[in-house]
PDB file of N, CA and C in Angstrom:
ATOM      1  N   MET A   1      18.637   7.255  -0.833  1.00  0.00           N
ATOM      2  CA  MET A   1      18.935   7.120  -2.240  1.00  0.00           C
ATOM      3  C   MET A   1      17.618   7.008  -3.006  1.00  0.00           C
ATOM      4  N   THR A   2      17.518   7.698  -4.097  1.00  0.00           N
ATOM      5  CA  THR A   2      16.289   7.675  -4.887  1.00  0.00           C
ATOM      6  C   THR A   2      16.551   7.061  -6.253  1.00  0.00           C
ATOM      7  N   ASP A   3      15.477   6.639  -6.887  1.00  0.00           N
ATOM      8  CA  ASP A   3      15.539   6.104  -8.239  1.00  0.00           C
ATOM      9  C   ASP A   3      15.069   7.197  -9.184  1.00  0.00           C
ATOM     10  N   PRO A   4      15.968   7.864  -9.907  1.00  0.00           N
ATOM     11  CA  PRO A   4      15.555   8.960 -10.789  1.00  0.00           C
ATOM     12  C   PRO A   4      14.459   8.529 -11.763  1.00  0.00           C
ATOM     13  N   GLY A   5      13.414   9.332 -11.838  1.00  0.00           N
ATOM     14  CA  GLY A   5      12.337   9.061 -12.786  1.00  0.00           C
ATOM     15  C   GLY A   5      11.352   8.005 -12.334  1.00  0.00           C
ATOM     16  N   ASP A   6      11.563   7.378 -11.166  1.00  0.00           N
ATOM     17  CA  ASP A   6      10.690   6.302 -10.719  1.00  0.00           C
ATOM     18  C   ASP A   6       9.668   6.783  -9.685  1.00  0.00           C
ATOM     19  N   TYR A   7       9.536   8.084  -9.509  1.00  0.00           N
ATOM     20  CA  TYR A   7       8.584   8.604  -8.534  1.00  0.00           C
ATOM     21  C   TYR A   7       8.243  10.050  -8.870  1.00  0.00           C
ATOM     22  N   ASP A   8       7.170  10.495  -8.291  1.00  0.00           N
ATOM     23  CA  ASP A   8       6.768  11.885  -8.398  1.00  0.00           C
ATOM     24  C   ASP A   8       7.503  12.630  -7.287  1.00  0.00           C
ATOM     25  N   ALA A   9       8.195  13.694  -7.622  1.00  0.00           N
ATOM     26  CA  ALA A   9       8.999  14.417  -6.634  1.00  0.00           C
ATOM     27  C   ALA A   9       8.175  14.913  -5.453  1.00  0.00           C
ATOM     28  N   ALA A  10       6.866  15.023  -5.611  1.00  0.00           N
ATOM     29  CA  ALA A  10       6.013  15.474  -4.516  1.00  0.00           C
ATOM     30  C   ALA A  10       5.603  14.318  -3.618  1.00  0.00           C
ATOM     31  N   TRP A  11       6.044  13.119  -3.909  1.00  0.00           N
ATOM     32  CA  TRP A  11       5.643  11.943  -3.146  1.00  0.00           C
ATOM     33  C   TRP A  11       6.859  11.106  -2.831  1.00  0.00           C
ATOM     34  N   LEU A  12       6.671   9.976  -2.188  1.00  0.00           N
ATOM     35  CA  LEU A  12       7.760   9.082  -1.814  1.00  0.00           C
ATOM     36  C   LEU A  12       8.182   8.198  -2.986  1.00  0.00           C
ATOM     37  N   PRO A  13       9.447   7.782  -3.017  1.00  0.00           N
ATOM     38  CA  PRO A  13       9.874   6.837  -4.049  1.00  0.00           C
ATOM     39  C   PRO A  13       9.165   5.496  -3.841  1.00  0.00           C
ATOM     40  N   SER A  14       9.002   4.730  -4.910  1.00  0.00           N
ATOM     41  CA  SER A  14       8.260   3.470  -4.824  1.00  0.00           C
ATOM     42  C   SER A  14       8.861   2.509  -3.804  1.00  0.00           C
ATOM     43  N   GLY A  15      10.170   2.525  -3.625  1.00  0.00           N
ATOM     44  CA  GLY A  15      10.821   1.636  -2.669  1.00  0.00           C
ATOM     45  C   GLY A  15      10.388   1.880  -1.230  1.00  0.00           C
ATOM     46  N   ALA A  16       9.850   3.059  -0.948  1.00  0.00           N
ATOM     47  CA  ALA A  16       9.390   3.371   0.406  1.00  0.00           C
ATOM     48  C   ALA A  16       8.198   2.498   0.801  1.00  0.00           C
ATOM     49  N   PHE A  17       7.523   1.920  -0.181  1.00  0.00           N
ATOM     50  CA  PHE A  17       6.350   1.096   0.079  1.00  0.00           C
ATOM     51  C   PHE A  17       6.665  -0.398   0.051  1.00  0.00           C
ATOM     52  N   ARG A  18       7.950  -0.755  -0.029  1.00  0.00           N
ATOM     53  CA  ARG A  18       8.346  -2.169  -0.133  1.00  0.00           C
ATOM     54  C   ARG A  18       7.808  -3.007   1.031  1.00  0.00           C
ATOM     55  N   ALA A  19       7.942  -2.528   2.258  1.00  0.00           N
ATOM     56  CA  ALA A  19       7.507  -3.314   3.421  1.00  0.00           C
ATOM     57  C   ALA A  19       6.013  -3.628   3.362  1.00  0.00           C
ATOM     58  N   ALA A  20       5.186  -2.625   3.085  1.00  0.00           N
ATOM     59  CA  ALA A  20       3.743  -2.857   3.005  1.00  0.00           C
ATOM     60  C   ALA A  20       3.373  -3.600   1.729  1.00  0.00           C
ATOM     61  N   GLY A  21       4.093  -3.330   0.651  1.00  0.00           N
ATOM     62  CA  GLY A  21       3.774  -3.939  -0.634  1.00  0.00           C
ATOM     63  C   GLY A  21       4.155  -5.392  -0.774  1.00  0.00           C
ATOM     64  N   SER A  22       4.892  -5.915   0.194  1.00  0.00           N
ATOM     65  CA  SER A  22       5.288  -7.320   0.124  1.00  0.00           C
ATOM     66  C   SER A  22       4.489  -8.192   1.092  1.00  0.00           C
ATOM     67  N   ARG A  23       3.448  -7.624   1.692  1.00  0.00           N
ATOM     68  CA  ARG A  23       2.629  -8.337   2.678  1.00  0.00           C
ATOM     69  C   ARG A  23       1.155  -8.318   2.284  1.00  0.00           C
ATOM     70  N   ARG A  24       0.355  -9.036   3.060  1.00  0.00           N
ATOM     71  CA  ARG A  24      -1.099  -8.975   2.909  1.00  0.00           C
ATOM     72  C   ARG A  24      -1.590  -7.815   3.761  1.00  0.00           C
ATOM     73  N   SER A  25      -2.308  -6.897   3.153  1.00  0.00           N
ATOM     74  CA  SER A  25      -2.722  -5.677   3.841  1.00  0.00           C
ATOM     75  C   SER A  25      -4.218  -5.435   3.677  1.00  0.00           C
ATOM     76  N   PRO A  26      -5.021  -5.742   4.697  1.00  0.00           N
ATOM     77  CA  PRO A  26      -6.448  -5.422   4.606  1.00  0.00           C
ATOM     78  C   PRO A  26      -6.693  -3.944   4.929  1.00  0.00           C
ATOM     79  N   VAL A  27      -7.551  -3.320   4.157  1.00  0.00           N
ATOM     80  CA  VAL A  27      -7.974  -1.939   4.418  1.00  0.00           C
ATOM     81  C   VAL A  27      -9.421  -2.026   4.895  1.00  0.00           C
ATOM     82  N   ARG A  28      -9.639  -1.731   6.160  1.00  0.00           N
ATOM     83  CA  ARG A  28     -10.966  -1.912   6.763  1.00  0.00           C
ATOM     84  C   ARG A  28     -11.787  -0.644   6.813  1.00  0.00           C
ATOM     85  N   ALA A  29     -11.183   0.492   6.633  1.00  0.00           N
ATOM     86  CA  ALA A  29     -11.890   1.769   6.698  1.00  0.00           C
ATOM     87  C   ALA A  29     -12.634   2.031   5.385  1.00  0.00           C
ATOM     88  N   ALA A  30     -13.474   3.055   5.384  1.00  0.00           N
ATOM     89  CA  ALA A  30     -14.205   3.456   4.190  1.00  0.00           C
ATOM     90  C   ALA A  30     -14.075   4.965   4.020  1.00  0.00           C
ATOM     91  N   GLY A  31     -14.275   5.423   2.802  1.00  0.00           N
ATOM     92  CA  GLY A  31     -14.232   6.850   2.530  1.00  0.00           C
ATOM     93  C   GLY A  31     -13.073   7.220   1.622  1.00  0.00           C
ATOM     94  N   PRO A  32     -12.968   8.497   1.291  1.00  0.00           N
ATOM     95  CA  PRO A  32     -11.959   8.958   0.340  1.00  0.00           C
ATOM     96  C   PRO A  32     -10.518   8.672   0.777  1.00  0.00           C
ATOM     97  N   LEU A  33     -10.217   8.855   2.050  1.00  0.00           N
ATOM     98  CA  LEU A  33      -8.860   8.581   2.520  1.00  0.00           C
ATOM     99  C   LEU A  33      -8.538   7.090   2.412  1.00  0.00           C
ATOM    100  N   ALA A  34      -9.489   6.245   2.805  1.00  0.00           N
ATOM    101  CA  ALA A  34      -9.295   4.801   2.699  1.00  0.00           C
ATOM    102  C   ALA A  34      -9.127   4.380   1.239  1.00  0.00           C
ATOM    103  N   ASP A  35      -9.841   5.022   0.336  1.00  0.00           N
ATOM    104  CA  ASP A  35      -9.696   4.718  -1.091  1.00  0.00           C
ATOM    105  C   ASP A  35      -8.284   5.048  -1.571  1.00  0.00           C
ATOM    106  N   THR A  36      -7.746   6.166  -1.096  1.00  0.00           N
ATOM    107  CA  THR A  36      -6.385   6.554  -1.465  1.00  0.00           C
ATOM    108  C   THR A  36      -5.372   5.556  -0.908  1.00  0.00           C
ATOM    109  N   VAL A  37      -5.548   5.167   0.346  1.00  0.00           N
ATOM    110  CA  VAL A  37      -4.655   4.181   0.960  1.00  0.00           C
ATOM    111  C   VAL A  37      -4.727   2.871   0.185  1.00  0.00           C
ATOM    112  N   TYR A  38      -5.932   2.451  -0.160  1.00  0.00           N
ATOM    113  CA  TYR A  38      -6.104   1.207  -0.915  1.00  0.00           C
ATOM    114  C   TYR A  38      -5.356   1.265  -2.252  1.00  0.00           C
ATOM    115  N   ARG A  39      -5.507   2.361  -2.970  1.00  0.00           N
ATOM    116  CA  ARG A  39      -4.828   2.494  -4.277  1.00  0.00           C
ATOM    117  C   ARG A  39      -3.314   2.485  -4.124  1.00  0.00           C
ATOM    118  N   GLU A  40      -2.808   3.185  -3.116  1.00  0.00           N
ATOM    119  CA  GLU A  40      -1.357   3.210  -2.881  1.00  0.00           C
ATOM    120  C   GLU A  40      -0.844   1.812  -2.542  1.00  0.00           C
ATOM    121  N   LEU A  41      -1.576   1.101  -1.675  1.00  0.00           N
ATOM    122  CA  LEU A  41      -1.167  -0.255  -1.323  1.00  0.00           C
ATOM    123  C   LEU A  41      -1.285  -1.199  -2.511  1.00  0.00           C
ATOM    124  N   ALA A  42      -2.331  -1.046  -3.311  1.00  0.00           N
ATOM    125  CA  ALA A  42      -2.503  -1.905  -4.491  1.00  0.00           C
ATOM    126  C   ALA A  42      -1.329  -1.733  -5.453  1.00  0.00           C
ATOM    127  N   ASP A  43      -0.906  -0.498  -5.667  1.00  0.00           N
ATOM    128  CA  ASP A  43       0.260  -0.245  -6.528  1.00  0.00           C
ATOM    129  C   ASP A  43       1.510  -0.892  -5.947  1.00  0.00           C
ATOM    130  N   ALA A  44       1.707  -0.739  -4.635  1.00  0.00           N
ATOM    131  CA  ALA A  44       2.881  -1.318  -3.987  1.00  0.00           C
ATOM    132  C   ALA A  44       2.844  -2.841  -4.030  1.00  0.00           C
ATOM    133  N   CYS A  45       1.672  -3.426  -3.830  1.00  0.00           N
ATOM    134  CA  CYS A  45       1.544  -4.880  -3.864  1.00  0.00           C
ATOM    135  C   CYS A  45       1.806  -5.427  -5.263  1.00  0.00           C
ATOM    136  N   GLU A  46       1.357  -4.710  -6.263  1.00  0.00           N
ATOM    137  CA  GLU A  46       1.624  -5.127  -7.641  1.00  0.00           C
ATOM    138  C   GLU A  46       3.129  -5.140  -7.907  1.00  0.00           C
ATOM    139  N   ARG A  47       3.808  -4.163  -7.397  1.00  0.00           N
ATOM    140  CA  ARG A  47       5.259  -4.040  -7.604  1.00  0.00           C
ATOM    141  C   ARG A  47       6.058  -5.041  -6.776  1.00  0.00           C
ATOM    142  N   PHE A  48       5.631  -5.291  -5.521  1.00  0.00           N
ATOM    143  CA  PHE A  48       6.447  -6.078  -4.599  1.00  0.00           C
ATOM    144  C   PHE A  48       5.861  -7.434  -4.208  1.00  0.00           C
ATOM    145  N   GLY A  49       4.738  -7.825  -4.817  1.00  0.00           N
ATOM    146  CA  GLY A  49       4.231  -9.188  -4.639  1.00  0.00           C
ATOM    147  C   GLY A  49       3.291  -9.433  -3.482  1.00  0.00           C
ATOM    148  N   GLY A  50       2.815  -8.389  -2.820  1.00  0.00           N
ATOM    149  CA  GLY A  50       1.888  -8.570  -1.710  1.00  0.00           C
ATOM    150  C   GLY A  50       0.446  -8.614  -2.178  1.00  0.00           C
ATOM    151  N   GLN A  51      -0.455  -8.428  -1.242  1.00  0.00           N
ATOM    152  CA  GLN A  51      -1.886  -8.462  -1.550  1.00  0.00           C
ATOM    153  C   GLN A  51      -2.597  -7.444  -0.677  1.00  0.00           C
ATOM    154  N   VAL A  52      -3.490  -6.673  -1.257  1.00  0.00           N
ATOM    155  CA  VAL A  52      -4.315  -5.749  -0.493  1.00  0.00           C
ATOM    156  C   VAL A  52      -5.768  -6.144  -0.707  1.00  0.00           C
ATOM    157  N   VAL A  53      -6.540  -6.144   0.385  1.00  0.00           N
ATOM    158  CA  VAL A  53      -7.951  -6.529   0.320  1.00  0.00           C
ATOM    159  C   VAL A  53      -8.780  -5.518   1.096  1.00  0.00           C
ATOM    160  N   ARG A  54     -10.043  -5.385   0.714  1.00  0.00           N
ATOM    161  CA  ARG A  54     -10.987  -4.545   1.462  1.00  0.00           C
ATOM    162  C   ARG A  54     -11.539  -5.389   2.593  1.00  0.00           C
ATOM    163  N   GLY A  55     -11.527  -4.860   3.811  1.00  0.00           N
ATOM    164  CA  GLY A  55     -12.047  -5.585   4.968  1.00  0.00           C
ATOM    165  C   GLY A  55     -11.219  -6.821   5.248  1.00  0.00           C
ATOM    166  N   GLY A  56     -11.859  -7.871   5.695  1.00  0.00           N
ATOM    167  CA  GLY A  56     -11.167  -9.137   5.919  1.00  0.00           C
ATOM    168  C   GLY A  56     -10.511  -9.233   7.280  1.00  0.00           C
ATOM    169  N   ASP A  57     -10.306 -10.455   7.691  1.00  0.00           N
ATOM    170  CA  ASP A  57      -9.627 -10.761   8.942  1.00  0.00           C
ATOM    171  C   ASP A  57      -8.443 -11.656   8.636  1.00  0.00           C
ATOM    172  N   GLY A  58      -7.856 -12.164   9.661  1.00  0.00           N
ATOM    173  CA  GLY A  58      -6.765 -13.111   9.485  1.00  0.00           C
ATOM    174  C   GLY A  58      -5.416 -12.451   9.583  1.00  0.00           C
ATOM    175  N   ASP A  59      -4.407 -13.178   9.186  1.00  0.00           N
ATOM    176  CA  ASP A  59      -3.032 -12.743   9.294  1.00  0.00           C
ATOM    177  C   ASP A  59      -2.763 -11.600   8.324  1.00  0.00           C
ATOM    178  N   ALA A  60      -2.173 -10.543   8.820  1.00  0.00           N
ATOM    179  CA  ALA A  60      -1.871  -9.398   7.971  1.00  0.00           C
ATOM    180  C   ALA A  60      -0.568  -8.767   8.410  1.00  0.00           C
ATOM    181  N   GLY A  61       0.186  -8.294   7.451  1.00  0.00           N
ATOM    182  CA  GLY A  61       1.429  -7.606   7.762  1.00  0.00           C
ATOM    183  C   GLY A  61       1.202  -6.135   8.041  1.00  0.00           C
ATOM    184  N   CYS A  62       0.147  -5.583   7.490  1.00  0.00           N
ATOM    185  CA  CYS A  62      -0.152  -4.163   7.646  1.00  0.00           C
ATOM    186  C   CYS A  62      -1.654  -4.022   7.800  1.00  0.00           C
ATOM    187  N   ARG A  63      -2.103  -3.419   8.873  1.00  0.00           N
ATOM    188  CA  ARG A  63      -3.539  -3.249   9.100  1.00  0.00           C
ATOM    189  C   ARG A  63      -3.894  -1.774   9.053  1.00  0.00           C
ATOM    190  N   THR A  64      -4.978  -1.463   8.372  1.00  0.00           N
ATOM    191  CA  THR A  64      -5.493  -0.106   8.371  1.00  0.00           C
ATOM    192  C   THR A  64      -6.954  -0.145   8.740  1.00  0.00           C
ATOM    193  N   SER A  65      -7.384   0.745   9.581  1.00  0.00           N
ATOM    194  CA  SER A  65      -8.795   0.829   9.938  1.00  0.00           C
ATOM    195  C   SER A  65      -9.095   2.261  10.362  1.00  0.00           C
ATOM    196  N   GLY A  66     -10.346   2.593  10.361  1.00  0.00           N
ATOM    197  CA  GLY A  66     -10.683   3.965  10.704  1.00  0.00           C
ATOM    198  C   GLY A  66     -11.922   4.041  11.541  1.00  0.00           C
TER     199      GLY A  66
END
């Protein structure tokens, strides 16, 4: 089920990012792809109450590294 008007048809609906967007998600990689992942997670965290950080250790619901 989709939310009409709440997403770009070429991408996923915002609800698809709920799991990652409601957790603490460190992005440890660097470069253009990592920047894109960071922005996507930041948008999801803003919407669903999570937190995304560059680098970092500790408890995380979603880990990205490269």
